[in-house]
Amino acid sequence: MATLYVRDLSEEALAELKIRAARNRQSLQAYARALLEQEAATPSIDDVVARIRARVSARLATDEVLADIEAGRRRE
């Protein structure tokens, strides 16, 4: 298990984290660890977008799309 030190944290931020930890009936260490674990487990936006792009299989040309739009207008 690794150790992480946080320097130069404002007194206000520290006080708020202590309050939130107490509300959750956790030590400050346990509360901070849970926050960091949750953050690390959450995929970044770039990762999510890359996964979506990998699953998209539509290969449409612009002229095909425009032709379909025009054909739909003619049917109305």
PDB file of N, CA and C in Angstrom:
ATOM      1  N   MET A   1       0.848  -1.168   0.000  1.00  0.00           N
ATOM      2  CA  MET A   1       0.000   0.000   0.000  1.00  0.00           C
ATOM      3  C   MET A   1       0.898   1.236   0.000  1.00  0.00           C
ATOM      4  N   ALA A   2       0.542   2.207  -0.787  1.00  0.00           N
ATOM      5  CA  ALA A   2       1.338   3.421  -0.921  1.00  0.00           C
ATOM      6  C   ALA A   2       0.906   4.467   0.099  1.00  0.00           C
ATOM      7  N   THR A   3       1.790   5.394   0.342  1.00  0.00           N
ATOM      8  CA  THR A   3       1.493   6.519   1.229  1.00  0.00           C
ATOM      9  C   THR A   3       1.468   7.787   0.401  1.00  0.00           C
ATOM     10  N   LEU A   4       0.502   8.631   0.662  1.00  0.00           N
ATOM     11  CA  LEU A   4       0.351   9.889  -0.059  1.00  0.00           C
ATOM     12  C   LEU A   4       0.299  11.013   0.957  1.00  0.00           C
ATOM     13  N   TYR A   5       1.126  12.013   0.777  1.00  0.00           N
ATOM     14  CA  TYR A   5       1.106  13.189   1.633  1.00  0.00           C
ATOM     15  C   TYR A   5       0.539  14.354   0.840  1.00  0.00           C
ATOM     16  N   VAL A   6      -0.300  15.126   1.470  1.00  0.00           N
ATOM     17  CA  VAL A   6      -0.867  16.311   0.827  1.00  0.00           C
ATOM     18  C   VAL A   6      -0.343  17.531   1.556  1.00  0.00           C
ATOM     19  N   ARG A   7       0.373  18.358   0.858  1.00  0.00           N
ATOM     20  CA  ARG A   7       0.948  19.559   1.459  1.00  0.00           C
ATOM     21  C   ARG A   7       0.176  20.784   1.014  1.00  0.00           C
ATOM     22  N   ASP A   8       0.246  21.792   1.839  1.00  0.00           N
ATOM     23  CA  ASP A   8      -0.329  23.108   1.525  1.00  0.00           C
ATOM     24  C   ASP A   8      -1.841  23.086   1.324  1.00  0.00           C
ATOM     25  N   LEU A   9      -2.510  22.167   2.009  1.00  0.00           N
ATOM     26  CA  LEU A   9      -3.969  22.148   1.995  1.00  0.00           C
ATOM     27  C   LEU A   9      -4.450  23.264   2.908  1.00  0.00           C
ATOM     28  N   SER A  10      -5.399  24.050   2.444  1.00  0.00           N
ATOM     29  CA  SER A  10      -5.870  25.173   3.262  1.00  0.00           C
ATOM     30  C   SER A  10      -6.550  24.666   4.527  1.00  0.00           C
ATOM     31  N   GLU A  11      -6.514  25.479   5.541  1.00  0.00           N
ATOM     32  CA  GLU A  11      -7.177  25.125   6.803  1.00  0.00           C
ATOM     33  C   GLU A  11      -8.674  24.952   6.593  1.00  0.00           C
ATOM     34  N   GLU A  12      -9.259  25.759   5.709  1.00  0.00           N
ATOM     35  CA  GLU A  12     -10.688  25.668   5.430  1.00  0.00           C
ATOM     36  C   GLU A  12     -11.032  24.329   4.787  1.00  0.00           C
ATOM     37  N   ALA A  13     -10.221  23.923   3.832  1.00  0.00           N
ATOM     38  CA  ALA A  13     -10.470  22.642   3.164  1.00  0.00           C
ATOM     39  C   ALA A  13     -10.304  21.489   4.146  1.00  0.00           C
ATOM     40  N   LEU A  14      -9.267  21.552   4.965  1.00  0.00           N
ATOM     41  CA  LEU A  14      -9.043  20.505   5.957  1.00  0.00           C
ATOM     42  C   LEU A  14     -10.211  20.415   6.932  1.00  0.00           C
ATOM     43  N   ALA A  15     -10.682  21.563   7.392  1.00  0.00           N
ATOM     44  CA  ALA A  15     -11.804  21.582   8.330  1.00  0.00           C
ATOM     45  C   ALA A  15     -13.055  20.979   7.694  1.00  0.00           C
ATOM     46  N   GLU A  16     -13.324  21.318   6.449  1.00  0.00           N
ATOM     47  CA  GLU A  16     -14.497  20.784   5.754  1.00  0.00           C
ATOM     48  C   GLU A  16     -14.383  19.274   5.569  1.00  0.00           C
ATOM     49  N   LEU A  17     -13.202  18.799   5.209  1.00  0.00           N
ATOM     50  CA  LEU A  17     -13.015  17.357   5.045  1.00  0.00           C
ATOM     51  C   LEU A  17     -13.206  16.616   6.364  1.00  0.00           C
ATOM     52  N   LYS A  18     -12.734  17.201   7.450  1.00  0.00           N
ATOM     53  CA  LYS A  18     -12.927  16.587   8.767  1.00  0.00           C
ATOM     54  C   LYS A  18     -14.407  16.508   9.119  1.00  0.00           C
ATOM     55  N   ILE A  19     -15.154  17.561   8.803  1.00  0.00           N
ATOM     56  CA  ILE A  19     -16.593  17.578   9.074  1.00  0.00           C
ATOM     57  C   ILE A  19     -17.294  16.493   8.258  1.00  0.00           C
ATOM     58  N   ARG A  20     -16.962  16.409   6.979  1.00  0.00           N
ATOM     59  CA  ARG A  20     -17.590  15.405   6.114  1.00  0.00           C
ATOM     60  C   ARG A  20     -17.241  13.990   6.548  1.00  0.00           C
ATOM     61  N   ALA A  21     -15.999  13.785   6.962  1.00  0.00           N
ATOM     62  CA  ALA A  21     -15.593  12.474   7.454  1.00  0.00           C
ATOM     63  C   ALA A  21     -16.391  12.111   8.699  1.00  0.00           C
ATOM     64  N   ALA A  22     -16.537  13.062   9.607  1.00  0.00           N
ATOM     65  CA  ALA A  22     -17.287  12.806  10.844  1.00  0.00           C
ATOM     66  C   ALA A  22     -18.749  12.491  10.539  1.00  0.00           C
ATOM     67  N   ARG A  23     -19.324  13.206   9.591  1.00  0.00           N
ATOM     68  CA  ARG A  23     -20.716  12.941   9.209  1.00  0.00           C
ATOM     69  C   ARG A  23     -20.886  11.525   8.663  1.00  0.00           C
ATOM     70  N   ASN A  24     -19.850  11.020   8.033  1.00  0.00           N
ATOM     71  CA  ASN A  24     -19.885   9.666   7.470  1.00  0.00           C
ATOM     72  C   ASN A  24     -19.360   8.626   8.459  1.00  0.00           C
ATOM     73  N   ARG A  25     -19.108   9.080   9.681  1.00  0.00           N
ATOM     74  CA  ARG A  25     -18.572   8.197  10.731  1.00  0.00           C
ATOM     75  C   ARG A  25     -17.290   7.506  10.279  1.00  0.00           C
ATOM     76  N   GLN A  26     -16.413   8.306   9.661  1.00  0.00           N
ATOM     77  CA  GLN A  26     -15.132   7.798   9.188  1.00  0.00           C
ATOM     78  C   GLN A  26     -14.013   8.684   9.726  1.00  0.00           C
ATOM     79  N   SER A  27     -12.832   8.112   9.780  1.00  0.00           N
ATOM     80  CA  SER A  27     -11.664   8.936  10.077  1.00  0.00           C
ATOM     81  C   SER A  27     -11.375   9.780   8.843  1.00  0.00           C
ATOM     82  N   LEU A  28     -10.602  10.820   9.018  1.00  0.00           N
ATOM     83  CA  LEU A  28     -10.222  11.653   7.879  1.00  0.00           C
ATOM     84  C   LEU A  28      -9.461  10.810   6.859  1.00  0.00           C
ATOM     85  N   GLN A  29      -8.585   9.939   7.338  1.00  0.00           N
ATOM     86  CA  GLN A  29      -7.820   9.073   6.444  1.00  0.00           C
ATOM     87  C   GLN A  29      -8.730   8.156   5.630  1.00  0.00           C
ATOM     88  N   ALA A  30      -9.691   7.523   6.276  1.00  0.00           N
ATOM     89  CA  ALA A  30     -10.609   6.621   5.574  1.00  0.00           C
ATOM     90  C   ALA A  30     -11.464   7.391   4.570  1.00  0.00           C
ATOM     91  N   TYR A  31     -11.911   8.568   4.966  1.00  0.00           N
ATOM     92  CA  TYR A  31     -12.742   9.388   4.079  1.00  0.00           C
ATOM     93  C   TYR A  31     -11.943   9.813   2.847  1.00  0.00           C
ATOM     94  N   ALA A  32     -10.726  10.304   3.056  1.00  0.00           N
ATOM     95  CA  ALA A  32      -9.886  10.744   1.938  1.00  0.00           C
ATOM     96  C   ALA A  32      -9.525   9.569   1.039  1.00  0.00           C
ATOM     97  N   ARG A  33      -9.237   8.418   1.638  1.00  0.00           N
ATOM     98  CA  ARG A  33      -8.904   7.233   0.850  1.00  0.00           C
ATOM     99  C   ARG A  33     -10.084   6.839  -0.038  1.00  0.00           C
ATOM    100  N   ALA A  34     -11.296   6.863   0.526  1.00  0.00           N
ATOM    101  CA  ALA A  34     -12.487   6.509  -0.258  1.00  0.00           C
ATOM    102  C   ALA A  34     -12.690   7.481  -1.416  1.00  0.00           C
ATOM    103  N   LEU A  35     -12.479   8.771  -1.162  1.00  0.00           N
ATOM    104  CA  LEU A  35     -12.604   9.763  -2.237  1.00  0.00           C
ATOM    105  C   LEU A  35     -11.595   9.506  -3.352  1.00  0.00           C
ATOM    106  N   LEU A  36     -10.366   9.234  -2.971  1.00  0.00           N
ATOM    107  CA  LEU A  36      -9.326   8.999  -3.975  1.00  0.00           C
ATOM    108  C   LEU A  36      -9.564   7.696  -4.733  1.00  0.00           C
ATOM    109  N   GLU A  37      -9.991   6.651  -4.033  1.00  0.00           N
ATOM    110  CA  GLU A  37     -10.296   5.378  -4.701  1.00  0.00           C
ATOM    111  C   GLU A  37     -11.435   5.547  -5.697  1.00  0.00           C
ATOM    112  N   GLN A  38     -12.464   6.305  -5.305  1.00  0.00           N
ATOM    113  CA  GLN A  38     -13.601   6.546  -6.194  1.00  0.00           C
ATOM    114  C   GLN A  38     -13.152   7.331  -7.426  1.00  0.00           C
ATOM    115  N   GLU A  39     -12.330   8.341  -7.217  1.00  0.00           N
ATOM    116  CA  GLU A  39     -11.837   9.144  -8.335  1.00  0.00           C
ATOM    117  C   GLU A  39     -11.003   8.294  -9.290  1.00  0.00           C
ATOM    118  N   ALA A  40     -10.157   7.442  -8.739  1.00  0.00           N
ATOM    119  CA  ALA A  40      -9.306   6.598  -9.568  1.00  0.00           C
ATOM    120  C   ALA A  40     -10.121   5.563 -10.348  1.00  0.00           C
ATOM    121  N   ALA A  41     -11.249   5.139  -9.798  1.00  0.00           N
ATOM    122  CA  ALA A  41     -12.089   4.139 -10.458  1.00  0.00           C
ATOM    123  C   ALA A  41     -12.999   4.742 -11.522  1.00  0.00           C
ATOM    124  N   THR A  42     -13.161   6.045 -11.528  1.00  0.00           N
ATOM    125  CA  THR A  42     -14.032   6.720 -12.484  1.00  0.00           C
ATOM    126  C   THR A  42     -13.261   6.969 -13.772  1.00  0.00           C
ATOM    127  N   PRO A  43     -13.757   6.469 -14.910  1.00  0.00           N
ATOM    128  CA  PRO A  43     -13.026   6.689 -16.158  1.00  0.00           C
ATOM    129  C   PRO A  43     -13.037   8.164 -16.554  1.00  0.00           C
ATOM    130  N   SER A  44     -11.980   8.586 -17.205  1.00  0.00           N
ATOM    131  CA  SER A  44     -11.914   9.966 -17.682  1.00  0.00           C
ATOM    132  C   SER A  44     -12.857  10.134 -18.874  1.00  0.00           C
ATOM    133  N   ILE A  45     -13.178  11.360 -19.174  1.00  0.00           N
ATOM    134  CA  ILE A  45     -14.030  11.657 -20.331  1.00  0.00           C
ATOM    135  C   ILE A  45     -13.373  11.137 -21.608  1.00  0.00           C
ATOM    136  N   ASP A  46     -12.055  11.301 -21.718  1.00  0.00           N
ATOM    137  CA  ASP A  46     -11.351  10.819 -22.906  1.00  0.00           C
ATOM    138  C   ASP A  46     -11.498   9.308 -23.057  1.00  0.00           C
ATOM    139  N   ASP A  47     -11.423   8.571 -21.946  1.00  0.00           N
ATOM    140  CA  ASP A  47     -11.594   7.117 -22.002  1.00  0.00           C
ATOM    141  C   ASP A  47     -13.003   6.741 -22.431  1.00  0.00           C
ATOM    142  N   VAL A  48     -13.993   7.432 -21.907  1.00  0.00           N
ATOM    143  CA  VAL A  48     -15.389   7.147 -22.261  1.00  0.00           C
ATOM    144  C   VAL A  48     -15.623   7.416 -23.742  1.00  0.00           C
ATOM    145  N   VAL A  49     -15.136   8.535 -24.224  1.00  0.00           N
ATOM    146  CA  VAL A  49     -15.306   8.881 -25.638  1.00  0.00           C
ATOM    147  C   VAL A  49     -14.599   7.854 -26.520  1.00  0.00           C
ATOM    148  N   ALA A  50     -13.406   7.421 -26.127  1.00  0.00           N
ATOM    149  CA  ALA A  50     -12.674   6.424 -26.913  1.00  0.00           C
ATOM    150  C   ALA A  50     -13.435   5.107 -26.972  1.00  0.00           C
ATOM    151  N   ARG A  51     -14.041   4.701 -25.858  1.00  0.00           N
ATOM    152  CA  ARG A  51     -14.820   3.460 -25.854  1.00  0.00           C
ATOM    153  C   ARG A  51     -16.050   3.571 -26.749  1.00  0.00           C
ATOM    154  N   ILE A  52     -16.708   4.726 -26.706  1.00  0.00           N
ATOM    155  CA  ILE A  52     -17.887   4.932 -27.554  1.00  0.00           C
ATOM    156  C   ILE A  52     -17.478   4.896 -29.018  1.00  0.00           C
ATOM    157  N   ARG A  53     -16.410   5.572 -29.353  1.00  0.00           N
ATOM    158  CA  ARG A  53     -15.962   5.593 -30.753  1.00  0.00           C
ATOM    159  C   ARG A  53     -15.584   4.200 -31.233  1.00  0.00           C
ATOM    160  N   ALA A  54     -15.024   3.388 -30.339  1.00  0.00           N
ATOM    161  CA  ALA A  54     -14.637   2.031 -30.718  1.00  0.00           C
ATOM    162  C   ALA A  54     -15.865   1.164 -31.008  1.00  0.00           C
ATOM    163  N   ARG A  55     -16.987   1.474 -30.374  1.00  0.00           N
ATOM    164  CA  ARG A  55     -18.203   0.672 -30.571  1.00  0.00           C
ATOM    165  C   ARG A  55     -19.028   1.136 -31.757  1.00  0.00           C
ATOM    166  N   VAL A  56     -18.860   2.353 -32.198  1.00  0.00           N
ATOM    167  CA  VAL A  56     -19.654   2.889 -33.300  1.00  0.00           C
ATOM    168  C   VAL A  56     -19.199   2.233 -34.594  1.00  0.00           C
ATOM    169  N   SER A  57     -20.147   1.680 -35.317  1.00  0.00           N
ATOM    170  CA  SER A  57     -19.778   0.967 -36.539  1.00  0.00           C
ATOM    171  C   SER A  57     -20.343   1.624 -37.796  1.00  0.00           C
ATOM    172  N   ALA A  58     -21.053   2.702 -37.661  1.00  0.00           N
ATOM    173  CA  ALA A  58     -21.654   3.354 -38.823  1.00  0.00           C
ATOM    174  C   ALA A  58     -20.574   4.024 -39.668  1.00  0.00           C
ATOM    175  N   ARG A  59     -20.580   3.711 -40.907  1.00  0.00           N
ATOM    176  CA  ARG A  59     -19.641   4.314 -41.851  1.00  0.00           C
ATOM    177  C   ARG A  59     -20.471   4.970 -42.956  1.00  0.00           C
ATOM    178  N   LEU A  60     -20.851   6.196 -42.734  1.00  0.00           N
ATOM    179  CA  LEU A  60     -21.708   6.896 -43.684  1.00  0.00           C
ATOM    180  C   LEU A  60     -20.945   8.033 -44.338  1.00  0.00           C
ATOM    181  N   ALA A  61     -21.157   8.161 -45.615  1.00  0.00           N
ATOM    182  CA  ALA A  61     -20.577   9.280 -46.345  1.00  0.00           C
ATOM    183  C   ALA A  61     -21.540  10.454 -46.278  1.00  0.00           C
ATOM    184  N   THR A  62     -20.996  11.645 -46.310  1.00  0.00           N
ATOM    185  CA  THR A  62     -21.816  12.857 -46.217  1.00  0.00           C
ATOM    186  C   THR A  62     -22.857  12.912 -47.320  1.00  0.00           C
ATOM    187  N   ASP A  63     -22.467  12.551 -48.536  1.00  0.00           N
ATOM    188  CA  ASP A  63     -23.427  12.618 -49.643  1.00  0.00           C
ATOM    189  C   ASP A  63     -24.575  11.625 -49.459  1.00  0.00           C
ATOM    190  N   GLU A  64     -24.315  10.473 -48.810  1.00  0.00           N
ATOM    191  CA  GLU A  64     -25.385   9.515 -48.529  1.00  0.00           C
ATOM    192  C   GLU A  64     -26.374  10.092 -47.518  1.00  0.00           C
ATOM    193  N   VAL A  65     -25.864  10.726 -46.515  1.00  0.00           N
ATOM    194  CA  VAL A  65     -26.722  11.322 -45.489  1.00  0.00           C
ATOM    195  C   VAL A  65     -27.570  12.421 -46.098  1.00  0.00           C
ATOM    196  N   LEU A  66     -26.955  13.297 -46.882  1.00  0.00           N
ATOM    197  CA  LEU A  66     -27.699  14.392 -47.511  1.00  0.00           C
ATOM    198  C   LEU A  66     -28.757  13.859 -48.475  1.00  0.00           C
ATOM    199  N   ALA A  67     -28.444  12.802 -49.207  1.00  0.00           N
ATOM    200  CA  ALA A  67     -29.420  12.200 -50.126  1.00  0.00           C
ATOM    201  C   ALA A  67     -30.598  11.624 -49.359  1.00  0.00           C
ATOM    202  N   ASP A  68     -30.338  10.967 -48.235  1.00  0.00           N
ATOM    203  CA  ASP A  68     -31.424  10.420 -47.418  1.00  0.00           C
ATOM    204  C   ASP A  68     -32.296  11.537 -46.841  1.00  0.00           C
ATOM    205  N   ILE A  69     -31.685  12.613 -46.411  1.00  0.00           N
ATOM    206  CA  ILE A  69     -32.457  13.755 -45.884  1.00  0.00           C
ATOM    207  C   ILE A  69     -33.352  14.315 -46.980  1.00  0.00           C
ATOM    208  N   GLU A  70     -32.803  14.489 -48.160  1.00  0.00           N
ATOM    209  CA  GLU A  70     -33.582  15.018 -49.286  1.00  0.00           C
ATOM    210  C   GLU A  70     -34.712  14.068 -49.659  1.00  0.00           C
ATOM    211  N   ALA A  71     -34.455  12.768 -49.638  1.00  0.00           N
ATOM    212  CA  ALA A  71     -35.494  11.787 -49.955  1.00  0.00           C
ATOM    213  C   ALA A  71     -36.614  11.839 -48.900  1.00  0.00           C
ATOM    214  N   GLY A  72     -36.259  12.046 -47.679  1.00  0.00           N
ATOM    215  CA  GLY A  72     -37.265  12.161 -46.618  1.00  0.00           C
ATOM    216  C   GLY A  72     -38.106  13.404 -46.785  1.00  0.00           C
ATOM    217  N   ARG A  73     -37.511  14.474 -47.214  1.00  0.00           N
ATOM    218  CA  ARG A  73     -38.269  15.714 -47.445  1.00  0.00           C
ATOM    219  C   ARG A  73     -39.260  15.544 -48.587  1.00  0.00           C
ATOM    220  N   ARG A  74     -38.860  14.803 -49.606  1.00  0.00           N
ATOM    221  CA  ARG A  74     -39.746  14.604 -50.752  1.00  0.00           C
ATOM    222  C   ARG A  74     -40.951  13.747 -50.387  1.00  0.00           C
ATOM    223  N   ARG A  75     -40.803  12.852 -49.401  1.00  0.00           N
ATOM    224  CA  ARG A  75     -41.911  11.990 -48.982  1.00  0.00           C
ATOM    225  C   ARG A  75     -42.947  12.747 -48.176  1.00  0.00           C
ATOM    226  N   GLU A  76     -42.581  13.830 -47.565  1.00  0.00           N
ATOM    227  CA  GLU A  76     -43.498  14.574 -46.675  1.00  0.00           C
ATOM    228  C   GLU A  76     -44.473  15.409 -47.416  1.00  0.00           C
TER     229      GLU A  76
END
